[in-house]
Amino acid sequence: MKDVLKTYLWIFSITAGLLTVALLLFPEKKNRLEFIEEEIKKVQEGRKILTQREKELEKLANEKDWEEVDKENK
């Protein structure tokens, strides 16, 4: 009888340990709108840091990308 109880105790403790680890590592769900707003803030902060030359290069790259999209759609 003691062997059966020990076996159940091991199973229970391992299961409880795995559940605890899973709950600690499982990321909390964020509201999608909050996530998008945070990403927008990160991008805006990154753009503030850019120099004038980097801003021009980014603008040229975006224009080039849109030109490629326009060519593909014709």
C-alpha atoms as a PDB file:
ATOM      1  CA  MET A   1       0.000   0.000   0.000  1.00  0.00           C
ATOM      2  CA  LYS A   2       2.873   2.376   0.773  1.00  0.00           C
ATOM      3  CA  ASP A   3       4.391   1.760  -2.661  1.00  0.00           C
ATOM      4  CA  VAL A   4       1.169   2.803  -4.356  1.00  0.00           C
ATOM      5  CA  LEU A   5       0.965   5.971  -2.269  1.00  0.00           C
ATOM      6  CA  LYS A   6       4.599   6.818  -3.028  1.00  0.00           C
ATOM      7  CA  THR A   7       3.955   6.310  -6.735  1.00  0.00           C
ATOM      8  CA  TYR A   8       0.926   8.602  -6.656  1.00  0.00           C
ATOM      9  CA  LEU A   9       2.884  11.166  -4.622  1.00  0.00           C
ATOM     10  CA  TRP A  10       5.680  11.184  -7.241  1.00  0.00           C
ATOM     11  CA  ILE A  11       3.205  11.527 -10.081  1.00  0.00           C
ATOM     12  CA  PHE A  12       1.382  14.342  -8.313  1.00  0.00           C
ATOM     13  CA  SER A  13       4.576  16.220  -7.388  1.00  0.00           C
ATOM     14  CA  ILE A  14       6.052  15.942 -10.906  1.00  0.00           C
ATOM     15  CA  THR A  15       2.771  17.105 -12.447  1.00  0.00           C
ATOM     16  CA  ALA A  16       2.541  20.013 -10.008  1.00  0.00           C
ATOM     17  CA  GLY A  17       6.136  20.987 -10.754  1.00  0.00           C
ATOM     18  CA  LEU A  18       5.575  20.928 -14.503  1.00  0.00           C
ATOM     19  CA  LEU A  19       2.412  22.996 -14.183  1.00  0.00           C
ATOM     20  CA  THR A  20       4.203  25.533 -12.009  1.00  0.00           C
ATOM     21  CA  VAL A  21       7.050  25.886 -14.504  1.00  0.00           C
ATOM     22  CA  ALA A  22       4.579  26.145 -17.402  1.00  0.00           C
ATOM     23  CA  LEU A  23       2.601  28.892 -15.661  1.00  0.00           C
ATOM     24  CA  LEU A  24       5.750  30.862 -14.846  1.00  0.00           C
ATOM     25  CA  LEU A  25       7.118  30.632 -18.375  1.00  0.00           C
ATOM     26  CA  PHE A  26       3.822  31.124 -20.205  1.00  0.00           C
ATOM     27  CA  PRO A  27       3.638  34.734 -21.385  1.00  0.00           C
ATOM     28  CA  GLU A  28       0.738  36.794 -20.238  1.00  0.00           C
ATOM     29  CA  LYS A  29      -1.764  37.751 -22.884  1.00  0.00           C
ATOM     30  CA  LYS A  30      -1.651  41.376 -23.879  1.00  0.00           C
ATOM     31  CA  ASN A  31      -4.424  43.245 -25.473  1.00  0.00           C
ATOM     32  CA  ARG A  32      -3.634  43.426 -29.186  1.00  0.00           C
ATOM     33  CA  LEU A  33      -4.251  47.151 -29.241  1.00  0.00           C
ATOM     34  CA  GLU A  34      -1.809  47.715 -26.369  1.00  0.00           C
ATOM     35  CA  PHE A  35       0.807  45.601 -28.163  1.00  0.00           C
ATOM     36  CA  ILE A  36       0.398  47.590 -31.384  1.00  0.00           C
ATOM     37  CA  GLU A  37       0.596  50.892 -29.506  1.00  0.00           C
ATOM     38  CA  GLU A  38       3.824  49.793 -27.803  1.00  0.00           C
ATOM     39  CA  GLU A  39       5.347  48.827 -31.145  1.00  0.00           C
ATOM     40  CA  ILE A  40       4.355  52.198 -32.643  1.00  0.00           C
ATOM     41  CA  LYS A  41       6.030  53.988 -29.731  1.00  0.00           C
ATOM     42  CA  LYS A  42       9.225  51.970 -30.252  1.00  0.00           C
ATOM     43  CA  VAL A  43       9.319  52.871 -33.944  1.00  0.00           C
ATOM     44  CA  GLN A  44       8.680  56.550 -33.218  1.00  0.00           C
ATOM     45  CA  GLU A  45      11.466  56.629 -30.627  1.00  0.00           C
ATOM     46  CA  GLY A  46      13.784  54.964 -33.112  1.00  0.00           C
ATOM     47  CA  ARG A  47      13.000  57.591 -35.732  1.00  0.00           C
ATOM     48  CA  LYS A  48      13.797  60.417 -33.308  1.00  0.00           C
ATOM     49  CA  ILE A  49      17.320  59.049 -32.954  1.00  0.00           C
ATOM     50  CA  LEU A  50      17.988  58.931 -36.713  1.00  0.00           C
ATOM     51  CA  THR A  51      20.213  61.547 -38.286  1.00  0.00           C
ATOM     52  CA  GLN A  52      19.069  63.575 -41.275  1.00  0.00           C
ATOM     53  CA  ARG A  53      21.071  61.361 -43.662  1.00  0.00           C
ATOM     54  CA  GLU A  54      19.568  58.187 -42.188  1.00  0.00           C
ATOM     55  CA  LYS A  55      16.083  59.651 -42.592  1.00  0.00           C
ATOM     56  CA  GLU A  56      16.787  60.384 -46.251  1.00  0.00           C
ATOM     57  CA  LEU A  57      18.084  56.845 -46.799  1.00  0.00           C
ATOM     58  CA  GLU A  58      14.993  55.384 -45.155  1.00  0.00           C
ATOM     59  CA  LYS A  59      12.770  57.528 -47.378  1.00  0.00           C
ATOM     60  CA  LEU A  60      14.637  56.395 -50.499  1.00  0.00           C
ATOM     61  CA  ALA A  61      14.358  52.758 -49.461  1.00  0.00           C
ATOM     62  CA  ASN A  62      10.614  53.100 -48.919  1.00  0.00           C
ATOM     63  CA  GLU A  63      10.160  54.779 -52.292  1.00  0.00           C
ATOM     64  CA  LYS A  64      12.149  52.014 -53.972  1.00  0.00           C
ATOM     65  CA  ASP A  65      10.014  49.355 -52.276  1.00  0.00           C
ATOM     66  CA  TRP A  66       6.811  51.033 -53.434  1.00  0.00           C
ATOM     67  CA  GLU A  67       8.151  51.348 -56.977  1.00  0.00           C
ATOM     68  CA  GLU A  68       8.833  47.599 -56.999  1.00  0.00           C
ATOM     69  CA  VAL A  69       5.303  46.929 -55.767  1.00  0.00           C
ATOM     70  CA  ASP A  70       3.905  49.165 -58.495  1.00  0.00           C
ATOM     71  CA  LYS A  71       5.934  47.304 -61.151  1.00  0.00           C
ATOM     72  CA  GLU A  72       4.684  43.935 -59.897  1.00  0.00           C
ATOM     73  CA  ASN A  73       1.061  45.065 -60.007  1.00  0.00           C
ATOM     74  CA  LYS A  74       1.211  46.302 -63.613  1.00  0.00           C
END
